[in-house]
Amino acid sequence: MANGGLQVGRVIDQGKGNYGKGDFLIRSLVGVRRETGAVSIGDMIRTGQTLQFHIRDARTAHEEMRLLLEGETMLASSTAQPAGALLVTCNGRGTRLFDKPHHDVALTRQILGNIPMAGFFAAGEMGPVGHRNFVHGHTAVLALFRQS
C-alpha cells in the first residue's frame, strides 16, 4: 500500500497531544534522498513540528467519508434536511482510488438520501483542518444547502 499512497501528515494543533483523525494536514511525499535520509514533502515545515506518515487507501477513504456523512445525519435530525449539495472530488479519487465509478456521489446519496447534487473533479479542494481552511489533495468536499 505504501508504494502508491504514502503521504505525510503535519499536526495542525501542536498543543493538543494524543493526535488522531482530523488533526493532520496531509501532504504528498515528493521524494527521499538515500544519501542523506532527507524527506521532501509538498509543504513548508518548521523545526519542531510533528509529522506522521499516512497511507492513502480506498477502504480508509470510504470509512472516513461514511463516518462524516453519518455524523451529518445526526445533525440533520435537529435541523432542516439538505435541499441540495455540491460535491468537489479530487481527480485522484473516483476510479483512480475506488474499484467502481461514482463512489462519493453514491455514498452521499446512500446516507443522506436522493438529494439534488452538482459537482466536479478538481486538483485541489478547500476544506478545514482544526479551525483553519487549507487546500487539500485526494479529498472530497461536500457543501450542503438547507432551506432557512
Protein backbone atom coordinates (compact mmCIF):
# COMPACT_ATOMS: atom_id res chain seq x y z
CA MET A 1 0.00 0.00 0.00
CA ALA A 2 2.88 2.37 0.71
CA ASN A 3 4.11 2.22 -2.92
CA GLY A 4 1.14 4.15 -4.27
CA GLY A 5 -0.23 6.03 -1.29
CA LEU A 6 2.46 7.08 1.19
CA GLN A 7 1.89 10.64 2.40
CA VAL A 8 2.98 12.84 5.29
CA GLY A 9 0.67 14.48 7.82
CA ARG A 10 1.56 17.67 9.67
CA VAL A 11 -0.15 18.27 13.02
CA ILE A 12 -2.20 21.48 12.99
CA ASP A 13 -2.60 22.00 16.77
CA GLN A 14 0.77 21.07 18.33
CA GLY A 15 -0.54 21.66 21.87
CA LYS A 16 -3.36 19.15 21.65
CA GLY A 17 -1.45 15.88 22.10
CA ASN A 18 -2.95 12.42 21.51
CA TYR A 19 -3.33 13.14 17.81
CA GLY A 20 -5.95 11.30 15.78
CA LYS A 21 -8.26 11.70 12.79
CA GLY A 22 -8.74 15.29 11.79
CA ASP A 23 -5.56 16.54 13.48
CA PHE A 24 -3.25 16.25 10.45
CA LEU A 25 -2.91 18.25 7.26
CA ILE A 26 -1.96 15.57 4.73
CA ARG A 27 0.64 16.38 2.10
CA SER A 28 2.24 14.45 -0.73
CA LEU A 29 5.57 12.75 -0.27
CA VAL A 30 7.68 14.24 -3.07
CA GLY A 31 10.89 12.27 -2.62
CA VAL A 32 13.53 10.77 -0.35
CA ARG A 33 17.29 11.25 -0.69
CA ARG A 34 19.04 7.97 0.08
CA GLU A 35 22.38 9.68 0.67
CA THR A 36 21.11 11.93 3.47
CA GLY A 37 17.79 10.41 4.53
CA ALA A 38 16.08 13.74 3.80
CA VAL A 39 12.37 13.56 3.03
CA SER A 40 10.75 16.12 0.70
CA ILE A 41 7.06 16.87 1.08
CA GLY A 42 4.63 19.27 -0.56
CA ASP A 43 4.53 21.74 2.35
CA MET A 44 6.68 24.13 4.39
CA ILE A 45 7.73 22.54 7.68
CA ARG A 46 9.19 24.35 10.70
CA THR A 47 11.63 22.80 13.15
CA GLY A 48 9.74 21.09 15.97
CA GLN A 49 6.53 20.37 14.05
CA THR A 50 5.08 16.89 14.48
CA LEU A 51 4.90 14.81 11.31
CA GLN A 52 3.49 11.36 10.77
CA PHE A 53 3.40 9.07 7.76
CA HIS A 54 -0.05 8.23 6.39
CA ILE A 55 -1.21 5.82 3.71
CA ARG A 56 -3.98 6.69 1.29
CA ASP A 57 -6.24 3.74 0.55
CA ALA A 58 -9.77 3.19 -0.69
CA ARG A 59 -11.03 1.35 2.41
CA THR A 60 -9.99 4.12 4.79
CA ALA A 61 -11.23 6.87 2.44
CA HIS A 62 -14.62 5.15 2.26
CA GLU A 63 -14.82 4.68 6.03
CA GLU A 64 -13.88 8.29 6.82
CA MET A 65 -16.41 9.67 4.36
CA ARG A 66 -19.11 7.33 5.71
CA LEU A 67 -18.44 8.44 9.30
CA LEU A 68 -18.58 12.13 8.34
CA LEU A 69 -21.84 11.66 6.42
CA GLU A 70 -23.40 9.68 9.26
CA GLY A 71 -22.41 12.50 11.63
CA GLU A 72 -24.23 14.86 9.28
CA THR A 73 -27.40 12.77 9.54
CA MET A 74 -27.23 13.15 13.33
CA LEU A 75 -27.00 16.93 12.88
CA ALA A 76 -29.78 16.90 10.28
CA SER A 77 -32.19 15.36 12.76
CA SER A 78 -32.13 18.68 14.67
CA THR A 79 -32.02 20.93 11.57
CA ALA A 80 -33.62 21.01 8.15
CA GLN A 81 -32.80 18.17 5.77
CA PRO A 82 -30.40 19.18 2.97
CA ALA A 83 -32.16 20.68 -0.03
CA GLY A 84 -29.14 20.04 -2.24
CA ALA A 85 -25.41 19.53 -2.30
CA LEU A 86 -22.23 20.49 -4.13
CA LEU A 87 -19.56 17.77 -4.19
CA VAL A 88 -15.99 18.60 -5.22
CA THR A 89 -13.90 15.46 -5.55
CA CYS A 90 -10.20 15.21 -6.26
CA ASN A 91 -9.34 13.76 -9.64
CA GLY A 92 -7.15 11.31 -7.69
CA ARG A 93 -10.28 9.73 -6.28
CA GLY A 94 -13.02 8.26 -8.48
CA THR A 95 -11.87 5.17 -10.36
CA ARG A 96 -8.24 6.01 -9.60
CA LEU A 97 -8.90 5.14 -5.96
CA PHE A 98 -12.13 3.13 -5.85
CA ASP A 99 -12.99 -0.01 -7.78
CA LYS A 100 -16.14 1.49 -9.30
CA PRO A 101 -17.18 4.93 -10.57
CA HIS A 102 -19.31 7.47 -8.69
CA HIS A 103 -18.22 6.28 -5.23
CA ASP A 104 -18.54 9.64 -3.48
CA VAL A 105 -21.92 10.53 -5.01
CA ALA A 106 -23.31 7.05 -4.36
CA LEU A 107 -22.17 7.03 -0.72
CA THR A 108 -23.55 10.54 -0.15
CA ARG A 109 -26.95 9.56 -1.54
CA GLN A 110 -26.95 6.25 0.32
CA ILE A 111 -26.59 8.06 3.64
CA LEU A 112 -28.26 11.45 3.06
CA GLY A 113 -30.94 10.35 0.62
CA ASN A 114 -31.51 11.15 -3.03
CA ILE A 115 -30.87 14.89 -2.70
CA PRO A 116 -30.15 17.03 -5.79
CA MET A 117 -26.39 17.20 -6.33
CA ALA A 118 -23.96 19.02 -8.56
CA GLY A 119 -20.21 18.74 -8.57
CA PHE A 120 -16.95 18.32 -10.38
CA PHE A 121 -13.49 16.83 -10.15
CA ALA A 122 -10.65 19.13 -9.13
CA ALA A 123 -6.93 19.11 -8.46
CA GLY A 124 -7.18 20.82 -5.09
CA GLU A 125 -10.11 21.19 -2.72
CA MET A 126 -10.72 23.71 0.08
CA GLY A 127 -11.66 22.41 3.49
CA PRO A 128 -10.93 22.76 7.20
CA VAL A 129 -8.45 21.04 9.48
CA GLY A 130 -8.94 22.25 13.01
CA HIS A 131 -10.20 25.84 12.82
CA ARG A 132 -8.43 26.79 9.58
CA ASN A 133 -9.07 26.10 5.90
CA PHE A 134 -6.43 24.60 3.64
CA VAL A 135 -6.07 23.44 0.06
CA HIS A 136 -6.17 19.63 0.07
CA GLY A 137 -5.50 16.86 -2.41
CA HIS A 138 -7.11 13.43 -2.71
CA THR A 139 -10.20 14.58 -0.81
CA ALA A 140 -13.88 15.08 -1.33
CA VAL A 141 -15.50 18.29 -0.12
CA LEU A 142 -19.26 18.40 0.31
CA ALA A 143 -21.28 21.60 0.77
CA LEU A 144 -24.85 21.02 1.90
CA PHE A 145 -27.60 23.57 1.30
CA ARG A 146 -30.62 23.82 3.60
CA GLN A 147 -33.73 25.92 3.43
CA SER A 148 -33.88 28.55 6.13
